[in-house]
Amino acid sequence: MKKLMGLLAVLLFLSFPVFAQQRGGAQRGGGAARPSGPPAGGGHIPSRGPAPAPARAPAAPNRGGAPQKGQPRNFAEQPGHPNAPHVDAKTDRWVGHDTGRGDASYHLDHPWEHGHFPGAFGASHVYRLGGGGPQRFGFGGFFFSVAPADFGYCNDWLWDSDDIVVYADPDHIGWYLAYNVRLGTYIHVEYLGN
C-alpha cells in the first residue's frame, strides 16, 4: 500500500507542469509575449479593441459580405489568415476594421435602442455562447444580433459553445465587436437587452 501511495504522489507531482500551462497559448492581460500558435484564433485573446479608423469618405453598404464595385473584399492578407475580419495574433491588429465612421453598412437609425451592454468588456472577460444564431444569440442572460453586413463572416461560429470577448466599437455608434476566441474572427453585434 505504501508503494502505491508513493507512486501516486510521484505521478501527481510530475503532472503539475501540465496543468500550469495556459490553454491554447492565450495571452490574458496584454503581456509582451505573443503566442507561437496559429496566426489568428487558436485561443489568442487581443489585449485591447481596435483603435478608431482614420476618417474616410462615406462607404456604400456592403450587405452580407457582398462585393463592392464587382470586387469581393479579401481579409486574408497573409497565408494562414481567415478571409473574414480577424485579429492577427502576433500583432493584435484588427484586420478589416478600417472603414471608419461613415460606413453605411453599420448605420443604425436608433443606436442603443435597447440600452448599452451592462456586462464587462475586454480581454479579461470571456463569455460562452449559449445558443441562437446570427439574428439573436445570447450568453449570461444578455442577447445580441449580428449586423446584416457581417452574416457571411460568422457561418462557422458554434452558437452554443464558442467563447467570445466583447469590445467597444470606436467607429460605429450602437455596435459592439464580438471576437471569437477559437477562430480569431470578429463581427459587429447590436445589444438587444437581457
Protein backbone atom coordinates (compact mmCIF):
# COMPACT_ATOMS: atom_id res chain seq x y z
CA MET A 1 0.00 0.00 0.00
CA LYS A 2 2.89 2.36 0.81
CA LYS A 3 4.42 1.74 -2.63
CA LEU A 4 1.09 2.51 -4.34
CA MET A 5 0.68 5.77 -2.40
CA GLY A 6 4.28 6.74 -3.20
CA LEU A 7 3.73 6.05 -6.91
CA LEU A 8 0.54 8.16 -6.93
CA ALA A 9 2.35 11.02 -5.18
CA VAL A 10 5.16 10.96 -7.77
CA LEU A 11 2.66 10.89 -10.68
CA LEU A 12 0.73 13.81 -9.19
CA PHE A 13 3.94 15.80 -8.71
CA LEU A 14 5.03 15.18 -12.31
CA SER A 15 1.62 16.26 -13.69
CA PHE A 16 1.70 19.78 -12.15
CA PRO A 17 3.61 21.40 -15.06
CA VAL A 18 0.96 20.15 -17.49
CA PHE A 19 -1.86 21.79 -15.52
CA ALA A 20 0.10 25.03 -15.08
CA GLN A 21 0.23 25.75 -18.83
CA GLN A 22 -2.35 28.17 -20.26
CA ARG A 23 -4.99 26.63 -22.51
CA GLY A 24 -4.25 27.26 -26.20
CA GLY A 25 -1.46 29.73 -25.51
CA ALA A 26 -3.92 32.58 -24.87
CA GLN A 27 -2.39 35.77 -23.57
CA ARG A 28 -4.64 37.36 -20.99
CA GLY A 29 -3.88 40.83 -19.79
CA GLY A 30 -1.67 42.05 -22.63
CA GLY A 31 1.80 40.71 -21.82
CA ALA A 32 4.59 41.40 -24.29
CA ALA A 33 4.91 37.75 -25.37
CA ARG A 34 2.86 36.60 -28.36
CA PRO A 35 1.63 33.07 -28.96
CA SER A 36 3.60 30.86 -31.31
CA GLY A 37 0.44 29.08 -32.49
CA PRO A 38 -1.81 29.93 -35.42
CA PRO A 39 -1.71 33.44 -36.94
CA ALA A 40 -5.36 34.01 -35.91
CA GLY A 41 -7.58 32.31 -33.35
CA GLY A 42 -6.36 29.23 -31.54
CA GLY A 43 -7.18 30.72 -28.14
CA HIS A 44 -5.48 34.10 -28.60
CA ILE A 45 -7.36 37.00 -26.99
CA PRO A 46 -6.49 40.56 -28.10
CA SER A 47 -5.31 42.72 -25.22
CA ARG A 48 -7.46 45.63 -26.46
CA GLY A 49 -10.08 46.53 -29.03
CA PRO A 50 -9.32 48.32 -32.29
CA ALA A 51 -8.22 51.94 -32.49
CA PRO A 52 -10.56 54.32 -34.32
CA ALA A 53 -10.10 54.13 -38.09
CA PRO A 54 -8.85 57.20 -39.94
CA ALA A 55 -11.57 59.46 -41.36
CA ARG A 56 -12.74 58.43 -44.86
CA ALA A 57 -15.43 59.29 -47.34
CA PRO A 58 -18.75 57.51 -46.61
CA ALA A 59 -18.77 53.94 -47.88
CA ALA A 60 -21.67 52.28 -49.67
CA PRO A 61 -23.42 49.48 -47.78
CA ASN A 62 -21.81 46.06 -48.11
CA ARG A 63 -24.66 43.80 -47.01
CA GLY A 64 -23.82 40.19 -46.23
CA GLY A 65 -20.24 40.47 -47.39
CA ALA A 66 -21.36 41.13 -50.98
CA PRO A 67 -18.76 42.56 -53.35
CA GLN A 68 -18.43 46.31 -53.73
CA LYS A 69 -17.96 47.55 -57.28
CA GLY A 70 -17.60 43.99 -58.56
CA GLN A 71 -14.73 43.02 -56.23
CA PRO A 72 -15.08 40.91 -53.09
CA ARG A 73 -13.05 42.12 -50.14
CA ASN A 74 -10.17 39.85 -49.20
CA PHE A 75 -9.30 39.79 -45.49
CA ALA A 76 -6.69 37.00 -45.79
CA GLU A 77 -3.79 39.43 -46.03
CA GLN A 78 -1.26 36.72 -45.06
CA PRO A 79 -1.05 32.95 -45.63
CA GLY A 80 -2.99 31.07 -42.96
CA HIS A 81 -5.23 34.04 -42.06
CA PRO A 82 -9.01 33.70 -42.45
CA ASN A 83 -10.87 35.51 -45.22
CA ALA A 84 -13.06 37.31 -42.68
CA PRO A 85 -12.46 40.24 -40.33
CA HIS A 86 -9.95 38.91 -37.79
CA VAL A 87 -7.23 39.83 -35.31
CA ASP A 88 -3.62 38.99 -36.17
CA ALA A 89 -2.43 37.00 -33.13
CA LYS A 90 1.16 38.20 -33.48
CA THR A 91 0.43 41.94 -33.63
CA ASP A 92 -3.12 42.32 -32.22
CA ARG A 93 -4.01 44.24 -35.42
CA TRP A 94 -7.75 44.23 -36.17
CA VAL A 95 -7.71 43.31 -39.86
CA GLY A 96 -10.78 44.70 -41.65
CA HIS A 97 -11.75 47.31 -39.07
CA ASP A 98 -10.78 50.19 -41.30
CA THR A 99 -13.90 51.58 -42.97
CA GLY A 100 -14.40 54.33 -40.38
CA ARG A 101 -17.46 56.12 -39.07
CA GLY A 102 -19.04 56.73 -42.47
CA ASP A 103 -19.58 53.04 -43.33
CA ALA A 104 -23.29 52.80 -44.22
CA SER A 105 -23.25 49.04 -43.51
CA TYR A 106 -23.20 49.84 -39.79
CA HIS A 107 -25.62 52.76 -39.66
CA LEU A 108 -28.41 52.42 -37.07
CA ASP A 109 -31.42 54.72 -37.07
CA HIS A 110 -31.78 54.23 -33.30
CA PRO A 111 -28.36 53.43 -31.75
CA TRP A 112 -28.55 51.67 -28.40
CA GLU A 113 -32.31 51.27 -28.82
CA HIS A 114 -32.25 48.54 -26.16
CA GLY A 115 -29.69 50.24 -23.92
CA HIS A 116 -25.95 49.80 -23.51
CA PHE A 117 -24.43 46.40 -22.81
CA PRO A 118 -24.06 46.35 -18.99
CA GLY A 119 -21.54 43.48 -18.95
CA ALA A 120 -17.77 43.73 -18.86
CA PHE A 121 -15.57 44.37 -21.88
CA GLY A 122 -12.12 43.27 -22.94
CA ALA A 123 -9.57 40.51 -22.67
CA SER A 124 -10.24 39.53 -19.08
CA HIS A 125 -13.95 38.85 -19.70
CA VAL A 126 -14.60 35.73 -21.78
CA TYR A 127 -18.22 34.72 -22.37
CA ARG A 128 -19.54 31.31 -23.54
CA LEU A 129 -22.24 31.47 -26.22
CA GLY A 130 -25.45 29.86 -25.01
CA GLY A 131 -27.40 29.28 -28.21
CA GLY A 132 -29.21 31.03 -31.01
CA GLY A 133 -27.82 32.26 -34.30
CA PRO A 134 -26.86 35.45 -36.10
CA GLN A 135 -30.28 37.07 -35.76
CA ARG A 136 -30.42 36.51 -31.99
CA PHE A 137 -27.88 34.85 -29.70
CA GLY A 138 -27.13 35.06 -26.04
CA PHE A 139 -24.82 34.44 -23.13
CA GLY A 140 -25.21 35.06 -19.41
CA GLY A 141 -28.74 36.46 -19.84
CA PHE A 142 -27.63 39.08 -22.41
CA PHE A 143 -28.84 38.97 -26.02
CA PHE A 144 -27.36 40.34 -29.26
CA SER A 145 -27.86 40.23 -33.02
CA VAL A 146 -25.23 40.28 -35.76
CA ALA A 147 -25.04 43.18 -38.20
CA PRO A 148 -26.59 42.05 -41.52
CA ALA A 149 -23.35 43.06 -43.29
CA ASP A 150 -21.47 40.52 -41.14
CA PHE A 151 -23.74 37.46 -41.56
CA GLY A 152 -21.31 35.93 -44.05
CA TYR A 153 -18.43 36.16 -41.57
CA CYS A 154 -19.94 34.02 -38.81
CA ASN A 155 -21.06 30.87 -40.66
CA ASP A 156 -18.51 28.75 -38.79
CA TRP A 157 -19.31 30.07 -35.30
CA LEU A 158 -20.60 27.50 -32.81
CA TRP A 159 -23.52 29.44 -31.35
CA ASP A 160 -23.95 27.10 -28.38
CA SER A 161 -20.34 26.69 -27.25
CA ASP A 162 -17.80 29.19 -28.65
CA ASP A 163 -16.05 31.58 -26.29
CA ILE A 164 -16.27 35.26 -27.23
CA VAL A 165 -14.94 38.55 -25.92
CA VAL A 166 -16.90 41.78 -26.34
CA TYR A 167 -15.12 45.02 -27.23
CA ALA A 168 -16.49 48.52 -27.75
CA ASP A 169 -16.57 49.63 -31.38
CA PRO A 170 -14.84 53.02 -31.56
CA ASP A 171 -16.23 53.84 -35.03
CA HIS A 172 -19.78 52.57 -35.39
CA ILE A 173 -22.31 54.06 -32.97
CA GLY A 174 -24.58 51.46 -31.40
CA TRP A 175 -22.40 48.47 -32.31
CA TYR A 176 -20.04 46.26 -30.34
CA LEU A 177 -17.42 43.83 -31.63
CA ALA A 178 -17.78 40.16 -30.69
CA TYR A 179 -14.43 38.37 -31.04
CA ASN A 180 -14.47 34.58 -31.40
CA VAL A 181 -11.55 33.15 -29.38
CA ARG A 182 -11.49 29.82 -31.24
CA LEU A 183 -11.45 31.31 -34.76
CA GLY A 184 -9.82 34.70 -34.21
CA THR A 185 -12.57 36.39 -36.24
CA TYR A 186 -14.93 39.15 -35.13
CA ILE A 187 -18.30 40.56 -36.10
CA HIS A 188 -20.33 43.68 -35.35
CA VAL A 189 -23.17 42.99 -32.91
CA GLU A 190 -26.05 45.04 -31.53
CA TYR A 191 -27.17 44.64 -27.91
CA LEU A 192 -30.82 43.55 -27.67
CA GLY A 193 -31.20 43.57 -23.88
CA ASN A 194 -31.49 40.93 -21.19
